[in-house]
């Protein structure tokens, strides 16, 4: 019974690590292999579902168009520079041609 206690933490930890690595590899792939396109900021708000040291990150939603199809991406950052952006403001988006869901804003926020 005591041997099962570590599994309570190891199994969810494995899936959280896997999700984080998949998300990070998509952003890295967009930077290294991606194509640039102009996009616009759709919305900016505090993400109250997360916090670190009692501070909530900013969640920036952006839209970009590829061959007439609108795609959406999001960026979560603790950088105060995100809060200075406004909906409708243009941004550069880099995305993976084969998988537009793998995208990020350029230049990056910390």
PDB file of N, CA and C in Angstrom:
ATOM      1  N   UNK A   1       0.825  -1.193   0.000  1.00  0.00           N
ATOM      2  CA  UNK A   1       0.000   0.000   0.000  1.00  0.00           C
ATOM      3  C   UNK A   1       0.874   1.263   0.000  1.00  0.00           C
ATOM      4  N   UNK A   2       1.906   1.282   0.801  1.00  0.00           N
ATOM      5  CA  UNK A   2       2.801   2.436   0.873  1.00  0.00           C
ATOM      6  C   UNK A   2       3.518   2.632  -0.461  1.00  0.00           C
ATOM      7  N   UNK A   3       3.770   1.553  -1.184  1.00  0.00           N
ATOM      8  CA  UNK A   3       4.453   1.645  -2.477  1.00  0.00           C
ATOM      9  C   UNK A   3       3.592   2.360  -3.519  1.00  0.00           C
ATOM     10  N   UNK A   4       2.293   2.427  -3.319  1.00  0.00           N
ATOM     11  CA  UNK A   4       1.405   3.090  -4.272  1.00  0.00           C
ATOM     12  C   UNK A   4       1.399   4.605  -4.112  1.00  0.00           C
ATOM     13  N   UNK A   5       1.831   5.103  -2.970  1.00  0.00           N
ATOM     14  CA  UNK A   5       1.826   6.545  -2.716  1.00  0.00           C
ATOM     15  C   UNK A   5       2.658   7.312  -3.751  1.00  0.00           C
ATOM     16  N   UNK A   6       3.859   6.875  -4.100  1.00  0.00           N
ATOM     17  CA  UNK A   6       4.608   7.616  -5.131  1.00  0.00           C
ATOM     18  C   UNK A   6       3.899   7.639  -6.484  1.00  0.00           C
ATOM     19  N   UNK A   7       3.131   6.597  -6.770  1.00  0.00           N
ATOM     20  CA  UNK A   7       2.410   6.573  -8.045  1.00  0.00           C
ATOM     21  C   UNK A   7       1.351   7.664  -8.132  1.00  0.00           C
ATOM     22  N   UNK A   8       0.807   8.048  -6.991  1.00  0.00           N
ATOM     23  CA  UNK A   8      -0.203   9.106  -6.966  1.00  0.00           C
ATOM     24  C   UNK A   8       0.385  10.410  -7.511  1.00  0.00           C
ATOM     25  N   UNK A   9       1.670  10.636  -7.288  1.00  0.00           N
ATOM     26  CA  UNK A   9       2.331  11.841  -7.779  1.00  0.00           C
ATOM     27  C   UNK A   9       3.025  11.610  -9.123  1.00  0.00           C
ATOM     28  N   UNK A  10       3.553  10.418  -9.338  1.00  0.00           N
ATOM     29  CA  UNK A  10       4.317  10.146 -10.553  1.00  0.00           C
ATOM     30  C   UNK A  10       3.449  10.124 -11.804  1.00  0.00           C
ATOM     31  N   UNK A  11       2.295   9.517 -11.733  1.00  0.00           N
ATOM     32  CA  UNK A  11       1.452   9.393 -12.926  1.00  0.00           C
ATOM     33  C   UNK A  11       0.949  10.756 -13.404  1.00  0.00           C
ATOM     34  N   UNK A  12       0.322  11.581 -12.550  1.00  0.00           N
ATOM     35  CA  UNK A  12      -0.076  12.911 -13.047  1.00  0.00           C
ATOM     36  C   UNK A  12       1.129  13.758 -13.468  1.00  0.00           C
ATOM     37  N   UNK A  13       2.240  13.619 -12.751  1.00  0.00           N
ATOM     38  CA  UNK A  13       3.445  14.364 -13.103  1.00  0.00           C
ATOM     39  C   UNK A  13       3.943  14.009 -14.488  1.00  0.00           C
ATOM     40  N   UNK A  14       3.878  12.741 -14.836  1.00  0.00           N
ATOM     41  CA  UNK A  14       4.296  12.290 -16.163  1.00  0.00           C
ATOM     42  C   UNK A  14       3.451  12.963 -17.246  1.00  0.00           C
ATOM     43  N   UNK A  15       2.127  12.976 -17.063  1.00  0.00           N
ATOM     44  CA  UNK A  15       1.251  13.557 -18.073  1.00  0.00           C
ATOM     45  C   UNK A  15       1.407  15.079 -18.156  1.00  0.00           C
ATOM     46  N   UNK A  16       1.636  15.738 -17.047  1.00  0.00           N
ATOM     47  CA  UNK A  16       1.882  17.183 -17.072  1.00  0.00           C
ATOM     48  C   UNK A  16       3.199  17.503 -17.780  1.00  0.00           C
ATOM     49  N   UNK A  17       4.223  16.716 -17.520  1.00  0.00           N
ATOM     50  CA  UNK A  17       5.514  16.901 -18.182  1.00  0.00           C
ATOM     51  C   UNK A  17       5.375  16.678 -19.680  1.00  0.00           C
ATOM     52  N   UNK A  18       4.668  15.650 -20.057  1.00  0.00           N
ATOM     53  CA  UNK A  18       4.472  15.338 -21.470  1.00  0.00           C
ATOM     54  C   UNK A  18       3.729  16.472 -22.185  1.00  0.00           C
ATOM     55  N   UNK A  19       2.699  17.001 -21.548  1.00  0.00           N
ATOM     56  CA  UNK A  19       1.941  18.113 -22.132  1.00  0.00           C
ATOM     57  C   UNK A  19       2.834  19.352 -22.283  1.00  0.00           C
ATOM     58  N   UNK A  20       3.605  19.671 -21.274  1.00  0.00           N
ATOM     59  CA  UNK A  20       4.487  20.829 -21.321  1.00  0.00           C
ATOM     60  C   UNK A  20       5.554  20.713 -22.403  1.00  0.00           C
ATOM     61  N   UNK A  21       6.133  19.525 -22.534  1.00  0.00           N
ATOM     62  CA  UNK A  21       7.156  19.320 -23.563  1.00  0.00           C
ATOM     63  C   UNK A  21       6.562  19.414 -24.963  1.00  0.00           C
ATOM     64  N   UNK A  22       5.364  18.894 -25.138  1.00  0.00           N
ATOM     65  CA  UNK A  22       4.703  18.964 -26.448  1.00  0.00           C
ATOM     66  C   UNK A  22       4.414  20.411 -26.825  1.00  0.00           C
ATOM     67  N   UNK A  23       3.932  21.182 -25.862  1.00  0.00           N
ATOM     68  CA  UNK A  23       3.627  22.592 -26.112  1.00  0.00           C
ATOM     69  C   UNK A  23       4.910  23.371 -26.420  1.00  0.00           C
ATOM     70  N   UNK A  24       5.947  23.141 -25.646  1.00  0.00           N
ATOM     71  CA  UNK A  24       7.215  23.853 -25.857  1.00  0.00           C
ATOM     72  C   UNK A  24       7.857  23.471 -27.184  1.00  0.00           C
ATOM     73  N   UNK A  25       7.777  22.212 -27.569  1.00  0.00           N
ATOM     74  CA  UNK A  25       8.377  21.802 -28.838  1.00  0.00           C
ATOM     75  C   UNK A  25       7.642  22.423 -30.019  1.00  0.00           C
ATOM     76  N   UNK A  26       6.319  22.653 -29.891  1.00  0.00           N
ATOM     77  CA  UNK A  26       5.566  23.311 -30.954  1.00  0.00           C
ATOM     78  C   UNK A  26       6.001  24.747 -31.149  1.00  0.00           C
ATOM     79  N   UNK A  27       6.215  25.458 -30.056  1.00  0.00           N
ATOM     80  CA  UNK A  27       6.682  26.844 -30.134  1.00  0.00           C
ATOM     81  C   UNK A  27       8.092  26.890 -30.713  1.00  0.00           C
ATOM     82  N   UNK A  28       8.958  26.004 -30.262  1.00  0.00           N
ATOM     83  CA  UNK A  28      10.320  25.968 -30.782  1.00  0.00           C
ATOM     84  C   UNK A  28      10.327  25.633 -32.271  1.00  0.00           C
ATOM     85  N   UNK A  29       9.472  24.701 -32.682  1.00  0.00           N
ATOM     86  CA  UNK A  29       9.394  24.354 -34.096  1.00  0.00           C
ATOM     87  C   UNK A  29       8.916  25.545 -34.923  1.00  0.00           C
ATOM     88  N   UNK A  30       7.970  26.320 -34.397  1.00  0.00           N
ATOM     89  CA  UNK A  30       7.503  27.509 -35.106  1.00  0.00           C
ATOM     90  C   UNK A  30       8.635  28.510 -35.294  1.00  0.00           C
ATOM     91  N   UNK A  31       9.455  28.688 -34.278  1.00  0.00           N
ATOM     92  CA  UNK A  31      10.586  29.620 -34.389  1.00  0.00           C
ATOM     93  C   UNK A  31      11.642  29.137 -35.373  1.00  0.00           C
ATOM     94  N   UNK A  32      11.916  27.854 -35.382  1.00  0.00           N
ATOM     95  CA  UNK A  32      13.006  27.339 -36.215  1.00  0.00           C
ATOM     96  C   UNK A  32      12.592  27.018 -37.648  1.00  0.00           C
ATOM     97  N   UNK A  33      11.360  26.532 -37.840  1.00  0.00           N
ATOM     98  CA  UNK A  33      10.931  26.096 -39.168  1.00  0.00           C
ATOM     99  C   UNK A  33       9.751  26.887 -39.712  1.00  0.00           C
ATOM    100  N   UNK A  34       9.239  27.824 -38.921  1.00  0.00           N
ATOM    101  CA  UNK A  34       7.988  28.481 -39.264  1.00  0.00           C
ATOM    102  C   UNK A  34       8.076  29.540 -40.332  1.00  0.00           C
ATOM    103  N   UNK A  35       6.909  29.907 -40.815  1.00  0.00           N
ATOM    104  CA  UNK A  35       6.750  30.992 -41.769  1.00  0.00           C
ATOM    105  C   UNK A  35       6.060  32.147 -41.058  1.00  0.00           C
ATOM    106  N   UNK A  36       6.396  33.349 -41.457  1.00  0.00           N
ATOM    107  CA  UNK A  36       5.829  34.538 -40.816  1.00  0.00           C
ATOM    108  C   UNK A  36       4.604  35.023 -41.578  1.00  0.00           C
ATOM    109  N   UNK A  37       3.624  35.480 -40.819  1.00  0.00           N
ATOM    110  CA  UNK A  37       2.411  36.050 -41.382  1.00  0.00           C
ATOM    111  C   UNK A  37       1.934  37.140 -40.421  1.00  0.00           C
ATOM    112  N   UNK A  38       1.235  38.103 -40.959  1.00  0.00           N
ATOM    113  CA  UNK A  38       0.715  39.167 -40.103  1.00  0.00           C
ATOM    114  C   UNK A  38      -0.565  38.686 -39.425  1.00  0.00           C
ATOM    115  N   UNK A  39      -0.682  38.988 -38.152  1.00  0.00           N
ATOM    116  CA  UNK A  39      -1.868  38.633 -37.394  1.00  0.00           C
ATOM    117  C   UNK A  39      -2.341  39.831 -36.598  1.00  0.00           C
ATOM    118  N   UNK A  40      -3.409  39.645 -35.829  1.00  0.00           N
ATOM    119  CA  UNK A  40      -3.918  40.714 -34.978  1.00  0.00           C
ATOM    120  C   UNK A  40      -4.228  40.157 -33.595  1.00  0.00           C
ATOM    121  N   UNK A  41      -4.104  41.023 -32.631  1.00  0.00           N
ATOM    122  CA  UNK A  41      -4.446  40.648 -31.263  1.00  0.00           C
ATOM    123  C   UNK A  41      -5.962  40.658 -31.137  1.00  0.00           C
ATOM    124  N   UNK A  42      -6.502  39.583 -30.626  1.00  0.00           N
ATOM    125  CA  UNK A  42      -7.949  39.473 -30.438  1.00  0.00           C
ATOM    126  C   UNK A  42      -8.362  39.911 -29.034  1.00  0.00           C
ATOM    127  N   UNK A  43      -7.645  39.420 -28.021  1.00  0.00           N
ATOM    128  CA  UNK A  43      -7.980  39.797 -26.643  1.00  0.00           C
ATOM    129  C   UNK A  43      -6.779  39.615 -25.733  1.00  0.00           C
ATOM    130  N   UNK A  44      -6.806  40.352 -24.625  1.00  0.00           N
ATOM    131  CA  UNK A  44      -5.773  40.260 -23.592  1.00  0.00           C
ATOM    132  C   UNK A  44      -6.478  40.308 -22.251  1.00  0.00           C
ATOM    133  N   UNK A  45      -6.147  39.369 -21.381  1.00  0.00           N
ATOM    134  CA  UNK A  45      -6.734  39.370 -20.041  1.00  0.00           C
ATOM    135  C   UNK A  45      -5.825  38.612 -19.084  1.00  0.00           C
ATOM    136  N   UNK A  46      -6.054  38.807 -17.812  1.00  0.00           N
ATOM    137  CA  UNK A  46      -5.329  38.051 -16.789  1.00  0.00           C
ATOM    138  C   UNK A  46      -5.861  36.624 -16.784  1.00  0.00           C
ATOM    139  N   UNK A  47      -4.963  35.665 -16.708  1.00  0.00           N
ATOM    140  CA  UNK A  47      -5.354  34.256 -16.625  1.00  0.00           C
ATOM    141  C   UNK A  47      -5.433  33.875 -15.152  1.00  0.00           C
ATOM    142  N   UNK A  48      -6.607  33.890 -14.606  1.00  0.00           N
ATOM    143  CA  UNK A  48      -6.805  33.628 -13.179  1.00  0.00           C
ATOM    144  C   UNK A  48      -6.794  32.140 -12.837  1.00  0.00           C
ATOM    145  N   UNK A  49      -6.621  31.285 -13.849  1.00  0.00           N
ATOM    146  CA  UNK A  49      -6.543  29.844 -13.579  1.00  0.00           C
ATOM    147  C   UNK A  49      -5.149  29.430 -13.130  1.00  0.00           C
ATOM    148  N   UNK A  50      -4.171  30.324 -13.286  1.00  0.00           N
ATOM    149  CA  UNK A  50      -2.797  30.044 -12.884  1.00  0.00           C
ATOM    150  C   UNK A  50      -2.267  31.188 -12.032  1.00  0.00           C
ATOM    151  N   UNK A  51      -1.290  30.878 -11.223  1.00  0.00           N
ATOM    152  CA  UNK A  51      -0.598  31.936 -10.499  1.00  0.00           C
ATOM    153  C   UNK A  51       0.770  31.443 -10.058  1.00  0.00           C
ATOM    154  N   UNK A  52       1.662  32.413  -9.860  1.00  0.00           N
ATOM    155  CA  UNK A  52       2.992  32.121  -9.338  1.00  0.00           C
ATOM    156  C   UNK A  52       3.342  33.281  -8.422  1.00  0.00           C
ATOM    157  N   UNK A  53       3.627  32.969  -7.177  1.00  0.00           N
ATOM    158  CA  UNK A  53       3.906  33.995  -6.172  1.00  0.00           C
ATOM    159  C   UNK A  53       2.765  35.011  -6.089  1.00  0.00           C
ATOM    160  N   UNK A  54       1.547  34.504  -6.112  1.00  0.00           N
ATOM    161  CA  UNK A  54       0.324  35.316  -6.036  1.00  0.00           C
ATOM    162  C   UNK A  54       0.169  36.294  -7.199  1.00  0.00           C
ATOM    163  N   UNK A  55       0.829  36.051  -8.318  1.00  0.00           N
ATOM    164  CA  UNK A  55       0.682  36.879  -9.514  1.00  0.00           C
ATOM    165  C   UNK A  55       0.118  36.006 -10.631  1.00  0.00           C
ATOM    166  N   UNK A  56      -0.805  36.576 -11.394  1.00  0.00           N
ATOM    167  CA  UNK A  56      -1.419  35.867 -12.503  1.00  0.00           C
ATOM    168  C   UNK A  56      -0.776  36.305 -13.815  1.00  0.00           C
ATOM    169  N   UNK A  57      -0.580  35.360 -14.740  1.00  0.00           N
ATOM    170  CA  UNK A  57       0.002  35.740 -16.026  1.00  0.00           C
ATOM    171  C   UNK A  57      -1.041  36.391 -16.939  1.00  0.00           C
ATOM    172  N   UNK A  58      -0.563  37.007 -17.987  1.00  0.00           N
ATOM    173  CA  UNK A  58      -1.420  37.575 -19.024  1.00  0.00           C
ATOM    174  C   UNK A  58      -1.674  36.492 -20.065  1.00  0.00           C
ATOM    175  N   UNK A  59      -2.876  36.471 -20.592  1.00  0.00           N
ATOM    176  CA  UNK A  59      -3.225  35.551 -21.674  1.00  0.00           C
ATOM    177  C   UNK A  59      -3.600  36.394 -22.889  1.00  0.00           C
ATOM    178  N   UNK A  60      -2.813  36.275 -23.947  1.00  0.00           N
ATOM    179  CA  UNK A  60      -3.015  37.029 -25.164  1.00  0.00           C
ATOM    180  C   UNK A  60      -3.509  36.068 -26.246  1.00  0.00           C
ATOM    181  N   UNK A  61      -4.675  36.353 -26.811  1.00  0.00           N
ATOM    182  CA  UNK A  61      -5.231  35.551 -27.900  1.00  0.00           C
ATOM    183  C   UNK A  61      -5.003  36.332 -29.192  1.00  0.00           C
ATOM    184  N   UNK A  62      -4.460  35.666 -30.200  1.00  0.00           N
ATOM    185  CA  UNK A  62      -4.214  36.316 -31.478  1.00  0.00           C
ATOM    186  C   UNK A  62      -4.823  35.488 -32.609  1.00  0.00           C
ATOM    187  N   UNK A  63      -5.169  36.177 -33.694  1.00  0.00           N
ATOM    188  CA  UNK A  63      -5.709  35.535 -34.885  1.00  0.00           C
ATOM    189  C   UNK A  63      -4.787  35.810 -36.057  1.00  0.00           C
ATOM    190  N   UNK A  64      -4.700  34.838 -36.952  1.00  0.00           N
ATOM    191  CA  UNK A  64      -3.944  35.020 -38.180  1.00  0.00           C
ATOM    192  C   UNK A  64      -4.612  34.212 -39.283  1.00  0.00           C
ATOM    193  N   UNK A  65      -4.420  34.657 -40.502  1.00  0.00           N
ATOM    194  CA  UNK A  65      -5.102  34.048 -41.636  1.00  0.00           C
ATOM    195  C   UNK A  65      -4.111  33.376 -42.560  1.00  0.00           C
ATOM    196  N   UNK A  66      -4.460  32.143 -42.982  1.00  0.00           N
ATOM    197  CA  UNK A  66      -3.653  31.399 -43.943  1.00  0.00           C
ATOM    198  C   UNK A  66      -4.599  30.891 -45.023  1.00  0.00           C
ATOM    199  N   UNK A  67      -4.391  31.338 -46.237  1.00  0.00           N
ATOM    200  CA  UNK A  67      -5.201  30.951 -47.396  1.00  0.00           C
ATOM    201  C   UNK A  67      -6.699  31.085 -47.119  1.00  0.00           C
ATOM    202  N   UNK A  68      -7.089  32.204 -46.547  1.00  0.00           N
ATOM    203  CA  UNK A  68      -8.488  32.493 -46.300  1.00  0.00           C
ATOM    204  C   UNK A  68      -9.080  31.854 -45.059  1.00  0.00           C
ATOM    205  N   UNK A  69      -8.303  31.062 -44.340  1.00  0.00           N
ATOM    206  CA  UNK A  69      -8.787  30.408 -43.120  1.00  0.00           C
ATOM    207  C   UNK A  69      -8.172  31.082 -41.897  1.00  0.00           C
ATOM    208  N   UNK A  70      -9.028  31.478 -40.957  1.00  0.00           N
ATOM    209  CA  UNK A  70      -8.566  32.159 -39.750  1.00  0.00           C
ATOM    210  C   UNK A  70      -8.173  31.132 -38.693  1.00  0.00           C
ATOM    211  N   UNK A  71      -6.988  31.325 -38.134  1.00  0.00           N
ATOM    212  CA  UNK A  71      -6.480  30.463 -37.064  1.00  0.00           C
ATOM    213  C   UNK A  71      -6.307  31.295 -35.802  1.00  0.00           C
ATOM    214  N   UNK A  72      -6.335  30.619 -34.662  1.00  0.00           N
ATOM    215  CA  UNK A  72      -6.197  31.303 -33.377  1.00  0.00           C
ATOM    216  C   UNK A  72      -5.043  30.686 -32.602  1.00  0.00           C
ATOM    217  N   UNK A  73      -4.300  31.529 -31.931  1.00  0.00           N
ATOM    218  CA  UNK A  73      -3.236  31.075 -31.065  1.00  0.00           C
ATOM    219  C   UNK A  73      -3.306  31.833 -29.758  1.00  0.00           C
ATOM    220  N   UNK A  74      -2.588  31.330 -28.776  1.00  0.00           N
ATOM    221  CA  UNK A  74      -2.559  32.026 -27.490  1.00  0.00           C
ATOM    222  C   UNK A  74      -1.151  32.030 -26.939  1.00  0.00           C
ATOM    223  N   UNK A  75      -0.887  33.058 -26.159  1.00  0.00           N
ATOM    224  CA  UNK A  75       0.399  33.222 -25.512  1.00  0.00           C
ATOM    225  C   UNK A  75       0.125  33.557 -24.051  1.00  0.00           C
ATOM    226  N   UNK A  76       0.763  32.848 -23.151  1.00  0.00           N
ATOM    227  CA  UNK A  76       0.626  33.118 -21.717  1.00  0.00           C
ATOM    228  C   UNK A  76       1.982  33.588 -21.220  1.00  0.00           C
ATOM    229  N   UNK A  77       1.999  34.761 -20.581  1.00  0.00           N
ATOM    230  CA  UNK A  77       3.260  35.351 -20.154  1.00  0.00           C
ATOM    231  C   UNK A  77       3.073  36.216 -18.910  1.00  0.00           C
ATOM    232  N   UNK A  78       4.092  36.243 -18.091  1.00  0.00           N
ATOM    233  CA  UNK A  78       4.090  37.122 -16.923  1.00  0.00           C
ATOM    234  C   UNK A  78       4.666  38.497 -17.258  1.00  0.00           C
ATOM    235  N   UNK A  79       5.119  38.686 -18.487  1.00  0.00           N
ATOM    236  CA  UNK A  79       5.714  39.954 -18.904  1.00  0.00           C
ATOM    237  C   UNK A  79       4.680  41.081 -18.904  1.00  0.00           C
ATOM    238  N   UNK A  80       5.039  42.197 -18.302  1.00  0.00           N
ATOM    239  CA  UNK A  80       4.131  43.352 -18.284  1.00  0.00           C
ATOM    240  C   UNK A  80       3.994  43.969 -19.669  1.00  0.00           C
ATOM    241  N   UNK A  81       4.903  43.642 -20.587  1.00  0.00           N
ATOM    242  CA  UNK A  81       4.806  44.151 -21.958  1.00  0.00           C
ATOM    243  C   UNK A  81       3.541  43.650 -22.646  1.00  0.00           C
ATOM    244  N   UNK A  82       3.041  42.490 -22.252  1.00  0.00           N
ATOM    245  CA  UNK A  82       1.809  41.953 -22.838  1.00  0.00           C
ATOM    246  C   UNK A  82       0.637  42.861 -22.510  1.00  0.00           C
ATOM    247  N   UNK A  83       0.593  43.367 -21.297  1.00  0.00           N
ATOM    248  CA  UNK A  83      -0.530  44.205 -20.863  1.00  0.00           C
ATOM    249  C   UNK A  83      -0.600  45.530 -21.615  1.00  0.00           C
ATOM    250  N   UNK A  84       0.489  45.919 -22.254  1.00  0.00           N
ATOM    251  CA  UNK A  84       0.518  47.187 -22.975  1.00  0.00           C
ATOM    252  C   UNK A  84       0.004  47.052 -24.405  1.00  0.00           C
ATOM    253  N   UNK A  85      -0.254  45.837 -24.841  1.00  0.00           N
ATOM    254  CA  UNK A  85      -0.822  45.603 -26.170  1.00  0.00           C
ATOM    255  C   UNK A  85      -2.328  45.823 -26.126  1.00  0.00           C
ATOM    256  N   UNK A  86      -2.940  46.014 -27.287  1.00  0.00           N
ATOM    257  CA  UNK A  86      -4.373  46.288 -27.374  1.00  0.00           C
ATOM    258  C   UNK A  86      -5.015  45.411 -28.454  1.00  0.00           C
ATOM    259  N   UNK A  87      -6.274  45.002 -28.242  1.00  0.00           N
ATOM    260  CA  UNK A  87      -6.992  44.250 -29.283  1.00  0.00           C
ATOM    261  C   UNK A  87      -7.023  45.031 -30.598  1.00  0.00           C
ATOM    262  N   UNK A  88      -6.834  44.317 -31.690  1.00  0.00           N
ATOM    263  CA  UNK A  88      -6.790  44.938 -33.014  1.00  0.00           C
ATOM    264  C   UNK A  88      -5.398  45.323 -33.455  1.00  0.00           C
ATOM    265  N   UNK A  89      -4.454  45.346 -32.523  1.00  0.00           N
ATOM    266  CA  UNK A  89      -3.075  45.717 -32.843  1.00  0.00           C
ATOM    267  C   UNK A  89      -2.429  44.607 -33.677  1.00  0.00           C
ATOM    268  N   UNK A  90      -1.697  44.979 -34.742  1.00  0.00           N
ATOM    269  CA  UNK A  90      -1.041  43.950 -35.557  1.00  0.00           C
ATOM    270  C   UNK A  90       0.165  43.334 -34.844  1.00  0.00           C
ATOM    271  N   UNK A  91       0.404  42.067 -35.115  1.00  0.00           N
ATOM    272  CA  UNK A  91       1.570  41.337 -34.596  1.00  0.00           C
ATOM    273  C   UNK A  91       2.081  40.411 -35.693  1.00  0.00           C
ATOM    274  N   UNK A  92       3.337  40.022 -35.594  1.00  0.00           N
ATOM    275  CA  UNK A  92       3.875  39.005 -36.487  1.00  0.00           C
ATOM    276  C   UNK A  92       3.704  37.650 -35.815  1.00  0.00           C
ATOM    277  N   UNK A  93       3.230  36.706 -36.580  1.00  0.00           N
ATOM    278  CA  UNK A  93       3.019  35.341 -36.090  1.00  0.00           C
ATOM    279  C   UNK A  93       3.880  34.416 -36.929  1.00  0.00           C
ATOM    280  N   UNK A  94       4.606  33.530 -36.283  1.00  0.00           N
ATOM    281  CA  UNK A  94       5.315  32.469 -37.001  1.00  0.00           C
ATOM    282  C   UNK A  94       4.577  31.170 -36.711  1.00  0.00           C
ATOM    283  N   UNK A  95       4.353  30.386 -37.757  1.00  0.00           N
ATOM    284  CA  UNK A  95       3.588  29.151 -37.621  1.00  0.00           C
ATOM    285  C   UNK A  95       4.228  28.050 -38.455  1.00  0.00           C
ATOM    286  N   UNK A  96       3.942  26.828 -38.105  1.00  0.00           N
ATOM    287  CA  UNK A  96       4.429  25.670 -38.850  1.00  0.00           C
ATOM    288  C   UNK A  96       3.439  25.416 -39.981  1.00  0.00           C
ATOM    289  N   UNK A  97       3.931  25.400 -41.201  1.00  0.00           N
ATOM    290  CA  UNK A  97       3.069  25.296 -42.380  1.00  0.00           C
ATOM    291  C   UNK A  97       2.174  24.050 -42.344  1.00  0.00           C
ATOM    292  N   UNK A  98       2.708  22.938 -41.899  1.00  0.00           N
ATOM    293  CA  UNK A  98       1.951  21.684 -41.864  1.00  0.00           C
ATOM    294  C   UNK A  98       0.990  21.613 -40.684  1.00  0.00           C
ATOM    295  N   UNK A  99       1.226  22.434 -39.679  1.00  0.00           N
ATOM    296  CA  UNK A  99       0.393  22.413 -38.463  1.00  0.00           C
ATOM    297  C   UNK A  99       0.254  23.836 -37.925  1.00  0.00           C
ATOM    298  N   UNK A 100      -0.681  24.624 -38.462  1.00  0.00           N
ATOM    299  CA  UNK A 100      -0.829  26.021 -38.022  1.00  0.00           C
ATOM    300  C   UNK A 100      -1.160  26.196 -36.545  1.00  0.00           C
ATOM    301  N   UNK A 101      -1.605  25.140 -35.884  1.00  0.00           N
ATOM    302  CA  UNK A 101      -1.860  25.253 -34.444  1.00  0.00           C
ATOM    303  C   UNK A 101      -0.552  25.440 -33.671  1.00  0.00           C
ATOM    304  N   UNK A 102       0.556  25.137 -34.299  1.00  0.00           N
ATOM    305  CA  UNK A 102       1.882  25.364 -33.701  1.00  0.00           C
ATOM    306  C   UNK A 102       2.351  26.745 -34.159  1.00  0.00           C
ATOM    307  N   UNK A 103       2.051  27.732 -33.347  1.00  0.00           N
ATOM    308  CA  UNK A 103       2.377  29.107 -33.724  1.00  0.00           C
ATOM    309  C   UNK A 103       2.763  29.889 -32.475  1.00  0.00           C
ATOM    310  N   UNK A 104       3.375  31.037 -32.717  1.00  0.00           N
ATOM    311  CA  UNK A 104       3.724  31.945 -31.637  1.00  0.00           C
ATOM    312  C   UNK A 104       3.942  33.339 -32.212  1.00  0.00           C
ATOM    313  N   UNK A 105       4.009  34.300 -31.334  1.00  0.00           N
ATOM    314  CA  UNK A 105       4.218  35.688 -31.739  1.00  0.00           C
ATOM    315  C   UNK A 105       5.722  35.967 -31.813  1.00  0.00           C
ATOM    316  N   UNK A 106       6.101  36.776 -32.826  1.00  0.00           N
ATOM    317  CA  UNK A 106       7.479  37.194 -32.944  1.00  0.00           C
ATOM    318  C   UNK A 106       7.522  38.721 -32.965  1.00  0.00           C
ATOM    319  N   UNK A 107       8.405  39.371 -32.253  1.00  0.00           N
ATOM    320  CA  UNK A 107       9.395  38.824 -31.340  1.00  0.00           C
ATOM    321  C   UNK A 107       8.729  38.271 -30.081  1.00  0.00           C
ATOM    322  N   UNK A 108       9.371  37.314 -29.457  1.00  0.00           N
ATOM    323  CA  UNK A 108       8.755  36.658 -28.293  1.00  0.00           C
ATOM    324  C   UNK A 108       8.711  37.534 -27.062  1.00  0.00           C
ATOM    325  N   UNK A 109       7.758  37.242 -26.196  1.00  0.00           N
ATOM    326  CA  UNK A 109       7.687  37.853 -24.870  1.00  0.00           C
ATOM    327  C   UNK A 109       8.387  36.937 -23.908  1.00  0.00           C
ATOM    328  N   UNK A 110       8.933  37.477 -22.848  1.00  0.00           N
ATOM    329  CA  UNK A 110       9.599  36.646 -21.827  1.00  0.00           C
ATOM    330  C   UNK A 110       8.561  35.944 -20.992  1.00  0.00           C
TER     331      UNK A 110
END
